[in-house]
Amino acid sequence: MLVIAVWQHLPPVEHREAIGVLADKLAPRGRLILSLRHGPGAAARPCHPADAERIVAYAKDAGLELRMRRSAESVQQRNRDLRVTWTWLCFERP
C-alpha cells in the first residue's frame, strides 16, 4: 500500500488512528510505504507536521514492523528552495 504525499494533510491528532486503519487493511507480509513531508506546504492547502519517530511508534503499536527508513530532499526545485525534505518509511505486517 502506498501513501505518498498525503500524510501532511492529516492533523497530528489523527495520525495514530490513521496508522491503525492502514495496518488493519494489510494482509500478512503486506507492506505500507509512507512519505512524510517536512517543511511548508502550498498556501491553498493545509500542511501539518509529522513526527517520524511518533509515526514509527504508532505503527509498532498497530502491529507493524519498520523495514526501511530514508530521508531525502524534494525532487522539485521549488520545494528544495523552501528546504522541503521527506522521510520515507516502509512497514510490514508480520
N, C-alpha and C. Protein backbone atom coordinates (compact mmCIF):
# COMPACT_ATOMS: atom_id res chain seq x y z
N MET A 1 0.85 -1.16 0.00
CA MET A 1 0.00 0.00 0.00
C MET A 1 0.91 1.23 0.00
N LEU A 2 0.62 2.17 -0.89
CA LEU A 2 1.40 3.40 -0.98
C LEU A 2 0.58 4.57 -0.46
N VAL A 3 1.19 5.35 0.42
CA VAL A 3 0.58 6.58 0.92
C VAL A 3 1.65 7.66 0.71
N ILE A 4 1.61 8.26 -0.47
CA ILE A 4 2.65 9.17 -0.91
C ILE A 4 2.10 10.59 -0.99
N ALA A 5 2.79 11.53 -0.33
CA ALA A 5 2.43 12.95 -0.36
C ALA A 5 0.99 13.19 0.11
N VAL A 6 0.57 12.44 1.10
CA VAL A 6 -0.78 12.54 1.65
C VAL A 6 -0.75 12.90 3.13
N TRP A 7 0.21 12.32 3.84
CA TRP A 7 0.21 12.37 5.30
C TRP A 7 0.18 13.79 5.84
N GLN A 8 0.83 14.73 5.16
CA GLN A 8 0.90 16.11 5.65
C GLN A 8 -0.46 16.80 5.68
N HIS A 9 -1.45 16.21 5.07
CA HIS A 9 -2.80 16.79 5.08
C HIS A 9 -3.62 16.33 6.27
N LEU A 10 -3.08 15.39 7.05
CA LEU A 10 -3.76 14.92 8.26
C LEU A 10 -3.23 15.66 9.48
N PRO A 11 -4.12 16.18 10.32
CA PRO A 11 -3.65 16.79 11.57
C PRO A 11 -2.99 15.72 12.45
N PRO A 12 -1.96 16.07 13.19
CA PRO A 12 -1.26 15.09 14.03
C PRO A 12 -2.17 14.31 14.98
N VAL A 13 -3.27 14.90 15.44
CA VAL A 13 -4.17 14.18 16.35
C VAL A 13 -4.83 12.98 15.66
N GLU A 14 -4.77 12.91 14.34
CA GLU A 14 -5.38 11.81 13.59
C GLU A 14 -4.35 10.74 13.17
N HIS A 15 -3.09 10.96 13.43
CA HIS A 15 -2.05 10.05 12.95
C HIS A 15 -2.16 8.65 13.53
N ARG A 16 -2.38 8.53 14.83
CA ARG A 16 -2.46 7.21 15.45
C ARG A 16 -3.61 6.40 14.84
N GLU A 17 -4.78 7.01 14.75
CA GLU A 17 -5.94 6.30 14.20
C GLU A 17 -5.70 5.93 12.73
N ALA A 18 -5.11 6.85 11.97
CA ALA A 18 -4.87 6.59 10.54
C ALA A 18 -3.92 5.41 10.35
N ILE A 19 -2.85 5.35 11.14
CA ILE A 19 -1.92 4.21 11.04
C ILE A 19 -2.66 2.92 11.38
N GLY A 20 -3.52 2.95 12.39
CA GLY A 20 -4.28 1.76 12.76
C GLY A 20 -5.18 1.28 11.64
N VAL A 21 -5.86 2.22 10.99
CA VAL A 21 -6.74 1.86 9.87
C VAL A 21 -5.94 1.24 8.73
N LEU A 22 -4.80 1.85 8.40
CA LEU A 22 -3.97 1.32 7.32
C LEU A 22 -3.41 -0.06 7.68
N ALA A 23 -2.96 -0.21 8.91
CA ALA A 23 -2.42 -1.50 9.35
C ALA A 23 -3.47 -2.60 9.26
N ASP A 24 -4.71 -2.28 9.61
CA ASP A 24 -5.79 -3.27 9.55
C ASP A 24 -6.08 -3.73 8.13
N LYS A 25 -5.74 -2.93 7.15
CA LYS A 25 -6.01 -3.27 5.75
C LYS A 25 -4.91 -4.12 5.11
N LEU A 26 -3.78 -4.26 5.79
CA LEU A 26 -2.68 -5.03 5.24
C LEU A 26 -2.85 -6.52 5.50
N ALA A 27 -2.57 -7.30 4.50
CA ALA A 27 -2.53 -8.76 4.65
C ALA A 27 -1.22 -9.13 5.34
N PRO A 28 -1.12 -10.34 5.88
CA PRO A 28 0.16 -10.78 6.42
C PRO A 28 1.26 -10.64 5.35
N ARG A 29 2.40 -10.10 5.77
CA ARG A 29 3.54 -9.79 4.90
C ARG A 29 3.25 -8.63 3.95
N GLY A 30 2.09 -7.97 4.12
CA GLY A 30 1.79 -6.78 3.33
C GLY A 30 2.65 -5.62 3.79
N ARG A 31 2.92 -4.71 2.87
CA ARG A 31 3.78 -3.57 3.19
C ARG A 31 3.05 -2.25 2.99
N LEU A 32 3.40 -1.31 3.85
CA LEU A 32 2.91 0.06 3.80
C LEU A 32 4.11 0.96 3.57
N ILE A 33 4.08 1.74 2.50
CA ILE A 33 5.12 2.72 2.22
C ILE A 33 4.49 4.08 2.40
N LEU A 34 5.11 4.87 3.25
CA LEU A 34 4.54 6.14 3.67
C LEU A 34 5.59 7.23 3.51
N SER A 35 5.22 8.37 2.92
CA SER A 35 6.14 9.50 2.84
C SER A 35 5.64 10.60 3.77
N LEU A 36 6.57 11.19 4.51
CA LEU A 36 6.26 12.28 5.43
C LEU A 36 6.96 13.53 4.94
N ARG A 37 6.19 14.57 4.68
CA ARG A 37 6.76 15.83 4.22
C ARG A 37 7.17 16.67 5.42
N HIS A 38 8.33 17.30 5.29
CA HIS A 38 8.81 18.21 6.32
C HIS A 38 9.09 19.56 5.66
N GLY A 39 8.37 20.57 6.09
CA GLY A 39 8.55 21.90 5.52
C GLY A 39 7.22 22.47 5.10
N PRO A 40 7.25 23.69 4.58
CA PRO A 40 5.99 24.37 4.24
C PRO A 40 5.27 23.71 3.08
N GLY A 41 3.95 23.86 3.10
CA GLY A 41 3.11 23.35 2.02
C GLY A 41 2.57 24.48 1.18
N ALA A 42 1.75 24.14 0.22
CA ALA A 42 1.12 25.14 -0.63
C ALA A 42 0.17 25.99 0.20
N ALA A 43 0.10 27.26 -0.11
CA ALA A 43 -0.73 28.19 0.67
C ALA A 43 -2.20 27.80 0.66
N ALA A 44 -2.67 27.21 -0.42
CA ALA A 44 -4.10 26.88 -0.55
C ALA A 44 -4.47 25.56 0.13
N ARG A 45 -3.47 24.80 0.58
CA ARG A 45 -3.75 23.50 1.22
C ARG A 45 -3.04 23.44 2.56
N PRO A 46 -3.75 23.06 3.60
CA PRO A 46 -3.09 22.95 4.90
C PRO A 46 -2.02 21.85 4.87
N CYS A 47 -0.94 22.11 5.56
CA CYS A 47 0.15 21.14 5.64
C CYS A 47 0.56 21.05 7.10
N HIS A 48 0.41 19.87 7.67
CA HIS A 48 0.68 19.65 9.09
C HIS A 48 2.02 18.94 9.27
N PRO A 49 2.69 19.19 10.37
CA PRO A 49 3.95 18.49 10.63
C PRO A 49 3.72 17.03 10.96
N ALA A 50 4.72 16.23 10.69
CA ALA A 50 4.66 14.80 11.03
C ALA A 50 5.96 14.43 11.73
N ASP A 51 5.84 13.82 12.88
CA ASP A 51 6.98 13.37 13.66
C ASP A 51 7.24 11.91 13.30
N ALA A 52 8.33 11.66 12.58
CA ALA A 52 8.62 10.30 12.10
C ALA A 52 8.75 9.31 13.25
N GLU A 53 9.39 9.71 14.35
CA GLU A 53 9.54 8.80 15.49
C GLU A 53 8.18 8.41 16.06
N ARG A 54 7.29 9.36 16.14
CA ARG A 54 5.95 9.07 16.65
C ARG A 54 5.19 8.15 15.70
N ILE A 55 5.32 8.37 14.39
CA ILE A 55 4.65 7.52 13.41
C ILE A 55 5.18 6.09 13.52
N VAL A 56 6.48 5.94 13.68
CA VAL A 56 7.07 4.61 13.83
C VAL A 56 6.51 3.93 15.08
N ALA A 57 6.38 4.68 16.16
CA ALA A 57 5.83 4.12 17.40
C ALA A 57 4.37 3.72 17.22
N TYR A 58 3.58 4.55 16.55
CA TYR A 58 2.18 4.21 16.30
C TYR A 58 2.08 2.95 15.45
N ALA A 59 2.94 2.83 14.45
CA ALA A 59 2.92 1.65 13.58
C ALA A 59 3.27 0.40 14.39
N LYS A 60 4.26 0.51 15.25
CA LYS A 60 4.63 -0.63 16.09
C LYS A 60 3.45 -1.03 16.97
N ASP A 61 2.78 -0.04 17.58
CA ASP A 61 1.61 -0.32 18.41
C ASP A 61 0.50 -1.00 17.60
N ALA A 62 0.45 -0.72 16.29
CA ALA A 62 -0.58 -1.30 15.42
C ALA A 62 -0.15 -2.66 14.86
N GLY A 63 1.02 -3.15 15.30
CA GLY A 63 1.46 -4.48 14.88
C GLY A 63 2.34 -4.50 13.64
N LEU A 64 2.86 -3.35 13.23
CA LEU A 64 3.71 -3.29 12.04
C LEU A 64 5.17 -3.24 12.44
N GLU A 65 6.02 -3.76 11.57
CA GLU A 65 7.47 -3.71 11.79
C GLU A 65 8.09 -2.76 10.77
N LEU A 66 8.99 -1.90 11.24
CA LEU A 66 9.70 -0.98 10.37
C LEU A 66 10.73 -1.77 9.56
N ARG A 67 10.67 -1.67 8.25
CA ARG A 67 11.60 -2.36 7.37
C ARG A 67 12.63 -1.42 6.76
N MET A 68 12.26 -0.14 6.58
CA MET A 68 13.16 0.80 5.94
C MET A 68 12.78 2.21 6.36
N ARG A 69 13.81 3.05 6.49
CA ARG A 69 13.60 4.48 6.77
C ARG A 69 14.69 5.24 6.01
N ARG A 70 14.27 6.21 5.21
CA ARG A 70 15.21 7.01 4.44
C ARG A 70 14.77 8.48 4.48
N SER A 71 15.74 9.36 4.45
CA SER A 71 15.49 10.80 4.33
C SER A 71 15.92 11.23 2.94
N ALA A 72 15.18 12.20 2.38
CA ALA A 72 15.50 12.68 1.03
C ALA A 72 15.07 14.13 0.88
N GLU A 73 15.79 14.83 0.03
CA GLU A 73 15.32 16.17 -0.31
C GLU A 73 14.24 16.04 -1.36
N SER A 74 13.50 17.09 -1.56
CA SER A 74 12.43 17.07 -2.56
C SER A 74 13.01 16.96 -3.96
N VAL A 75 12.27 16.34 -4.86
CA VAL A 75 12.71 16.27 -6.25
C VAL A 75 12.37 17.56 -7.00
N GLN A 76 11.48 18.36 -6.44
CA GLN A 76 11.06 19.60 -7.09
C GLN A 76 11.95 20.76 -6.63
N GLN A 77 12.49 21.51 -7.58
CA GLN A 77 13.40 22.61 -7.25
C GLN A 77 12.75 23.63 -6.33
N ARG A 78 11.50 23.98 -6.59
CA ARG A 78 10.82 24.98 -5.75
C ARG A 78 10.78 24.51 -4.29
N ASN A 79 10.48 23.24 -4.08
CA ASN A 79 10.46 22.70 -2.73
C ASN A 79 11.87 22.65 -2.12
N ARG A 80 12.86 22.33 -2.93
CA ARG A 80 14.23 22.35 -2.41
C ARG A 80 14.61 23.75 -1.96
N ASP A 81 14.18 24.75 -2.74
CA ASP A 81 14.45 26.14 -2.36
C ASP A 81 13.78 26.49 -1.03
N LEU A 82 12.65 25.85 -0.74
CA LEU A 82 11.94 26.07 0.53
C LEU A 82 12.43 25.13 1.63
N ARG A 83 13.44 24.30 1.31
CA ARG A 83 14.03 23.34 2.23
C ARG A 83 13.06 22.24 2.65
N VAL A 84 12.20 21.85 1.74
CA VAL A 84 11.29 20.72 1.98
C VAL A 84 12.09 19.43 1.88
N THR A 85 11.92 18.58 2.87
CA THR A 85 12.54 17.26 2.84
C THR A 85 11.45 16.22 3.11
N TRP A 86 11.80 14.97 2.90
CA TRP A 86 10.86 13.87 3.08
C TRP A 86 11.50 12.76 3.89
N THR A 87 10.69 12.10 4.67
CA THR A 87 11.09 10.85 5.31
C THR A 87 10.23 9.75 4.69
N TRP A 88 10.89 8.73 4.22
CA TRP A 88 10.21 7.57 3.63
C TRP A 88 10.29 6.42 4.61
N LEU A 89 9.14 5.84 4.91
CA LEU A 89 9.05 4.72 5.84
C LEU A 89 8.41 3.53 5.15
N CYS A 90 8.92 2.35 5.39
CA CYS A 90 8.33 1.13 4.88
C CYS A 90 8.07 0.21 6.07
N PHE A 91 6.83 -0.19 6.24
CA PHE A 91 6.41 -1.09 7.32
C PHE A 91 5.90 -2.38 6.72
N GLU A 92 5.97 -3.45 7.51
CA GLU A 92 5.43 -4.73 7.08
C GLU A 92 4.61 -5.34 8.21
N ARG A 93 3.48 -5.97 7.82
CA ARG A 93 2.71 -6.73 8.79
C ARG A 93 3.32 -8.13 8.83
N PRO A 94 3.79 -8.57 10.01
CA PRO A 94 4.43 -9.90 10.10
C PRO A 94 3.44 -11.03 9.77
